N, C-alpha and C. Protein backbone atom coordinates (compact mmCIF):
# COMPACT_ATOMS: atom_id res chain seq x y z
N MET A 1 4.33 -6.79 -7.46
CA MET A 1 5.33 -7.02 -6.44
C MET A 1 5.97 -5.67 -6.13
N ILE A 2 6.03 -5.33 -4.86
CA ILE A 2 6.69 -4.11 -4.43
C ILE A 2 7.73 -4.46 -3.38
N GLY A 3 8.70 -3.62 -3.21
CA GLY A 3 9.72 -3.82 -2.18
C GLY A 3 9.66 -2.70 -1.17
N TYR A 4 10.03 -2.99 0.06
CA TYR A 4 10.09 -1.99 1.13
C TYR A 4 11.56 -1.86 1.54
N PRO A 5 12.27 -0.83 1.06
CA PRO A 5 13.72 -0.76 1.23
C PRO A 5 14.22 -0.01 2.46
N PHE A 6 13.37 0.18 3.45
CA PHE A 6 13.79 0.94 4.62
C PHE A 6 14.20 0.02 5.77
N THR A 7 14.91 0.56 6.76
CA THR A 7 15.43 -0.25 7.87
C THR A 7 14.53 -0.25 9.09
N LYS A 8 13.45 0.52 9.07
CA LYS A 8 12.48 0.56 10.17
C LYS A 8 11.10 0.20 9.64
N PRO A 9 10.27 -0.46 10.45
CA PRO A 9 8.90 -0.76 10.02
C PRO A 9 8.10 0.53 9.80
N GLN A 10 7.07 0.42 8.99
CA GLN A 10 6.18 1.56 8.71
C GLN A 10 4.75 1.05 8.66
N ALA A 11 3.84 1.72 9.35
CA ALA A 11 2.43 1.33 9.32
C ALA A 11 1.91 1.42 7.88
N LEU A 12 1.25 0.38 7.44
CA LEU A 12 0.68 0.38 6.08
C LEU A 12 -0.34 1.50 5.93
N ASN A 13 -1.04 1.82 7.01
CA ASN A 13 -2.07 2.85 6.97
C ASN A 13 -1.51 4.25 6.67
N ASP A 14 -0.19 4.43 6.77
CA ASP A 14 0.43 5.72 6.44
C ASP A 14 0.62 5.89 4.93
N SER A 15 0.39 4.84 4.18
CA SER A 15 0.55 4.88 2.72
C SER A 15 -0.69 5.47 2.06
N VAL A 16 -0.50 6.03 0.87
CA VAL A 16 -1.62 6.58 0.11
C VAL A 16 -1.52 6.15 -1.35
N ILE A 17 -2.64 6.26 -2.03
CA ILE A 17 -2.71 6.00 -3.47
C ILE A 17 -2.89 7.34 -4.16
N THR A 18 -2.14 7.57 -5.22
CA THR A 18 -2.38 8.74 -6.06
C THR A 18 -2.85 8.26 -7.42
N ALA A 19 -3.77 9.01 -7.97
CA ALA A 19 -4.34 8.68 -9.28
C ALA A 19 -4.74 10.00 -9.94
N PRO A 20 -4.95 9.98 -11.24
CA PRO A 20 -5.37 11.21 -11.91
C PRO A 20 -6.66 11.74 -11.30
N PRO A 21 -6.85 13.06 -11.29
CA PRO A 21 -8.06 13.65 -10.71
C PRO A 21 -9.36 13.13 -11.30
N SER A 22 -9.31 12.56 -12.48
CA SER A 22 -10.54 12.05 -13.09
C SER A 22 -11.00 10.73 -12.48
N SER A 23 -10.14 10.09 -11.67
CA SER A 23 -10.55 8.82 -11.06
C SER A 23 -11.48 9.08 -9.88
N SER A 24 -12.19 8.08 -9.44
CA SER A 24 -13.12 8.24 -8.33
C SER A 24 -12.39 8.52 -7.02
N CYS A 25 -11.12 8.22 -6.96
CA CYS A 25 -10.32 8.44 -5.76
C CYS A 25 -9.87 9.89 -5.64
N GLY A 26 -9.96 10.64 -6.71
CA GLY A 26 -9.42 11.99 -6.71
C GLY A 26 -7.92 11.91 -6.91
N PHE A 27 -7.19 12.93 -6.49
CA PHE A 27 -5.74 12.91 -6.67
C PHE A 27 -5.05 11.99 -5.68
N GLN A 28 -5.53 11.94 -4.44
CA GLN A 28 -4.88 11.13 -3.41
C GLN A 28 -5.92 10.61 -2.44
N CYS A 29 -5.79 9.34 -2.02
CA CYS A 29 -6.71 8.80 -1.03
C CYS A 29 -6.03 7.69 -0.24
N SER A 30 -6.65 7.32 0.86
CA SER A 30 -6.14 6.24 1.69
C SER A 30 -6.31 4.91 0.96
N LEU A 31 -5.63 3.90 1.44
CA LEU A 31 -5.78 2.57 0.82
C LEU A 31 -7.20 2.04 1.02
N ASP A 32 -7.81 2.33 2.17
CA ASP A 32 -9.18 1.88 2.40
C ASP A 32 -10.16 2.54 1.43
N ALA A 33 -9.98 3.85 1.19
CA ALA A 33 -10.85 4.56 0.23
C ALA A 33 -10.62 4.03 -1.18
N ALA A 34 -9.38 3.74 -1.52
CA ALA A 34 -9.08 3.20 -2.85
C ALA A 34 -9.73 1.84 -3.05
N GLU A 35 -9.78 1.03 -2.00
CA GLU A 35 -10.45 -0.27 -2.12
C GLU A 35 -11.96 -0.09 -2.25
N THR A 36 -12.52 0.83 -1.48
CA THR A 36 -13.96 1.11 -1.58
C THR A 36 -14.33 1.55 -2.99
N ASP A 37 -13.44 2.33 -3.63
CA ASP A 37 -13.66 2.80 -5.00
C ASP A 37 -13.23 1.79 -6.05
N ASN A 38 -12.84 0.58 -5.62
CA ASN A 38 -12.44 -0.51 -6.52
C ASN A 38 -11.23 -0.13 -7.38
N ILE A 39 -10.25 0.58 -6.74
CA ILE A 39 -9.05 1.01 -7.43
C ILE A 39 -7.84 0.18 -7.02
N PHE A 40 -7.71 -0.10 -5.72
CA PHE A 40 -6.52 -0.77 -5.20
C PHE A 40 -6.89 -1.55 -3.95
N ASN A 41 -6.42 -2.80 -3.87
CA ASN A 41 -6.68 -3.62 -2.69
C ASN A 41 -5.93 -3.03 -1.50
N SER A 42 -6.62 -2.80 -0.38
CA SER A 42 -5.99 -2.17 0.78
C SER A 42 -5.07 -3.10 1.54
N ALA A 43 -5.12 -4.38 1.28
CA ALA A 43 -4.23 -5.35 1.94
C ALA A 43 -3.08 -5.72 1.00
N LEU A 44 -1.92 -5.92 1.58
CA LEU A 44 -0.77 -6.44 0.84
C LEU A 44 -0.48 -7.84 1.37
N PHE A 45 0.29 -8.61 0.62
CA PHE A 45 0.58 -9.98 1.03
C PHE A 45 2.07 -10.25 0.91
N SER A 46 2.60 -10.97 1.90
CA SER A 46 3.99 -11.41 1.84
C SER A 46 4.01 -12.92 1.99
N TYR A 47 5.02 -13.54 1.44
CA TYR A 47 5.14 -14.99 1.52
C TYR A 47 6.22 -15.33 2.54
N TYR A 48 5.87 -16.17 3.51
CA TYR A 48 6.84 -16.57 4.52
C TYR A 48 6.78 -18.07 4.70
N THR A 49 7.84 -18.75 4.42
CA THR A 49 8.02 -20.19 4.54
C THR A 49 7.06 -20.98 3.67
N THR A 50 5.81 -21.17 4.10
CA THR A 50 4.86 -22.00 3.34
C THR A 50 3.50 -21.35 3.15
N ALA A 51 3.35 -20.09 3.56
CA ALA A 51 2.03 -19.46 3.48
C ALA A 51 2.17 -17.96 3.23
N TYR A 52 1.07 -17.39 2.74
CA TYR A 52 1.01 -15.94 2.54
C TYR A 52 0.48 -15.29 3.81
N ASP A 53 1.09 -14.17 4.19
CA ASP A 53 0.62 -13.38 5.32
C ASP A 53 -0.03 -12.12 4.77
N GLU A 54 -1.22 -11.79 5.28
CA GLU A 54 -1.92 -10.58 4.86
C GLU A 54 -1.51 -9.43 5.77
N ILE A 55 -1.17 -8.32 5.17
CA ILE A 55 -0.84 -7.09 5.88
C ILE A 55 -1.99 -6.14 5.62
N ASP A 56 -2.75 -5.77 6.66
CA ASP A 56 -3.91 -4.90 6.44
C ASP A 56 -3.68 -3.50 7.02
N THR A 57 -4.56 -2.58 6.66
CA THR A 57 -4.39 -1.19 7.08
C THR A 57 -4.78 -0.97 8.54
N ALA A 58 -5.51 -1.89 9.15
CA ALA A 58 -5.94 -1.70 10.54
C ALA A 58 -4.76 -1.81 11.50
N THR A 59 -3.93 -2.83 11.32
CA THR A 59 -2.84 -3.05 12.28
C THR A 59 -1.52 -3.42 11.61
N GLY A 60 -1.53 -3.57 10.30
CA GLY A 60 -0.36 -4.07 9.59
C GLY A 60 0.76 -3.06 9.43
N ALA A 61 1.97 -3.59 9.38
CA ALA A 61 3.15 -2.76 9.16
C ALA A 61 4.03 -3.41 8.10
N LEU A 62 4.66 -2.57 7.30
CA LEU A 62 5.64 -3.04 6.33
C LEU A 62 6.95 -3.25 7.07
N GLU A 63 7.56 -4.39 6.84
CA GLU A 63 8.79 -4.75 7.56
C GLU A 63 10.01 -4.49 6.69
N PRO A 64 11.13 -4.13 7.33
CA PRO A 64 12.36 -3.81 6.59
C PRO A 64 12.78 -4.90 5.60
N TRP A 65 13.09 -4.47 4.40
CA TRP A 65 13.66 -5.28 3.32
C TRP A 65 12.79 -6.45 2.89
N LYS A 66 11.48 -6.36 3.10
CA LYS A 66 10.58 -7.41 2.63
C LYS A 66 9.93 -6.99 1.32
N GLY A 67 9.47 -8.00 0.58
CA GLY A 67 8.71 -7.77 -0.63
C GLY A 67 7.25 -8.10 -0.38
N TYR A 68 6.36 -7.43 -1.11
CA TYR A 68 4.92 -7.61 -0.93
C TYR A 68 4.22 -7.66 -2.28
N TRP A 69 3.14 -8.40 -2.32
CA TRP A 69 2.27 -8.41 -3.49
C TRP A 69 1.18 -7.39 -3.25
N ALA A 70 0.93 -6.57 -4.27
CA ALA A 70 -0.11 -5.55 -4.22
C ALA A 70 -1.01 -5.75 -5.43
N ALA A 71 -2.28 -5.40 -5.28
CA ALA A 71 -3.23 -5.64 -6.38
C ALA A 71 -3.99 -4.39 -6.77
N ALA A 72 -3.84 -3.99 -8.02
CA ALA A 72 -4.70 -2.95 -8.58
C ALA A 72 -6.03 -3.60 -8.93
N LEU A 73 -7.11 -2.86 -8.78
CA LEU A 73 -8.45 -3.40 -9.03
C LEU A 73 -9.05 -2.79 -10.30
N THR A 74 -10.22 -3.22 -10.66
CA THR A 74 -10.87 -2.92 -11.94
C THR A 74 -10.90 -1.43 -12.30
N ASN A 75 -11.26 -0.56 -11.37
CA ASN A 75 -11.39 0.86 -11.69
C ASN A 75 -10.06 1.58 -11.88
N SER A 76 -8.95 0.87 -11.71
CA SER A 76 -7.65 1.50 -11.95
C SER A 76 -7.22 1.40 -13.41
N SER A 77 -7.97 0.67 -14.20
CA SER A 77 -7.63 0.47 -15.60
C SER A 77 -7.51 1.80 -16.33
N GLY A 78 -6.38 1.99 -17.01
CA GLY A 78 -6.16 3.20 -17.79
C GLY A 78 -5.69 4.40 -16.98
N THR A 79 -5.43 4.22 -15.68
CA THR A 79 -4.96 5.34 -14.86
C THR A 79 -3.47 5.17 -14.56
N ASP A 80 -2.87 6.23 -14.13
CA ASP A 80 -1.46 6.22 -13.73
C ASP A 80 -1.41 6.11 -12.21
N LEU A 81 -1.80 4.97 -11.71
CA LEU A 81 -1.93 4.71 -10.29
C LEU A 81 -0.55 4.56 -9.64
N LYS A 82 -0.39 5.15 -8.44
CA LYS A 82 0.88 5.01 -7.71
C LYS A 82 0.60 4.75 -6.24
N LEU A 83 1.39 3.89 -5.64
CA LEU A 83 1.34 3.64 -4.20
C LEU A 83 2.50 4.40 -3.57
N TRP A 84 2.20 5.30 -2.64
CA TRP A 84 3.22 6.10 -1.97
C TRP A 84 3.37 5.62 -0.54
N ILE A 85 4.56 5.18 -0.19
CA ILE A 85 4.87 4.72 1.16
C ILE A 85 5.89 5.70 1.74
N PRO A 86 5.52 6.42 2.81
CA PRO A 86 6.47 7.39 3.36
C PRO A 86 7.66 6.72 4.01
N GLN A 87 8.77 7.41 3.98
CA GLN A 87 9.97 6.90 4.68
C GLN A 87 9.72 7.00 6.18
N PRO A 88 10.03 5.95 6.94
CA PRO A 88 9.79 6.02 8.39
C PRO A 88 10.65 7.10 9.03
N SER A 89 10.17 7.62 10.13
CA SER A 89 10.88 8.66 10.85
C SER A 89 12.21 8.12 11.40
N THR A 90 13.23 8.94 11.34
CA THR A 90 14.52 8.55 11.89
C THR A 90 14.73 9.19 13.27
N VAL A 91 13.72 9.90 13.76
CA VAL A 91 13.81 10.53 15.08
C VAL A 91 13.59 9.46 16.15
N LEU A 92 14.50 9.39 17.09
CA LEU A 92 14.36 8.43 18.17
C LEU A 92 13.39 8.96 19.22
N PRO A 93 12.59 8.08 19.84
CA PRO A 93 11.62 8.54 20.85
C PRO A 93 12.30 9.08 22.09
């Protein structure tokens, strides 16, 4: 379970996974690459009313003050895996 504590939405695709250099992902990779390497599921899930909503890297965004379920996969065992979500820009268009 992770929380998104910012007041603006952020594209999930802007997030990265960091892992020790010995992992197949290297030091840092996209969520899609981490899933391909069986390290981290690239989709997150949130629960709303009666069902789970999937947030994917193609079009998904993390919404302000929501919680999400994230899944580490088999090849992450024994690593110091981290999910990095950048703070959304505060610059107005």
